[in-house]
Amino acid sequence: MPPKKKGGSAIDPDDPSMNPEAVVDNYKKYCKLAALTPHPKVLAQLGGDEEQLEIMMKNEQLVIDGEPVLGPHGTRALCTALMGNAPGMSGAVFKMAKNFRFWRMDCGDDGAACLAE
C-alpha cells in the first residue's frame, strides 16, 4: 500500500467556494445593486474581523443577530452572495458555512424562501 498522506489543509486559496473574501465581494455587489446597506455582522464574520472569521470557519456556521435587522431583502442579498448566482459574481457556492442562525432578523416569508433555495 502507498503511504498515507500527512494531514494538510483541504482549503485551496484559489477556490472561490472556500474563499470568504469572494462572498464579501459578492455581498457588497448585490447590496449596491439592490440599494441596501451591507449588514455589519455579515461583513465582520466573513472577513472584517479575523477572530469572528476563525470562529465561523471552526464551527461552520454563520450567526447573525441583533440590530440592525437583516430583513427579507438583506436575507436575499446574503443568500445570493453565498450561492454566487447573480451576474458578475464568482459563480461558486460558498462551502465553509454549513449552518445559518438568524436570530431576530425579521427575514419573513420571502427571506425564508431565499434560504430554502
Foldseek 3Di string as FASTA:
>chain_A
DDDDDDDDDPDDCVDLLAQLVLLVVQLVVLCVVVVHDQDPLSCCCSPVPPVNVVVCQVVLEREDEDPDACEQSNLLSNLCSQCQPDPPGPRHHRDRRDYYHYDPRHNPPNSVVSVVD
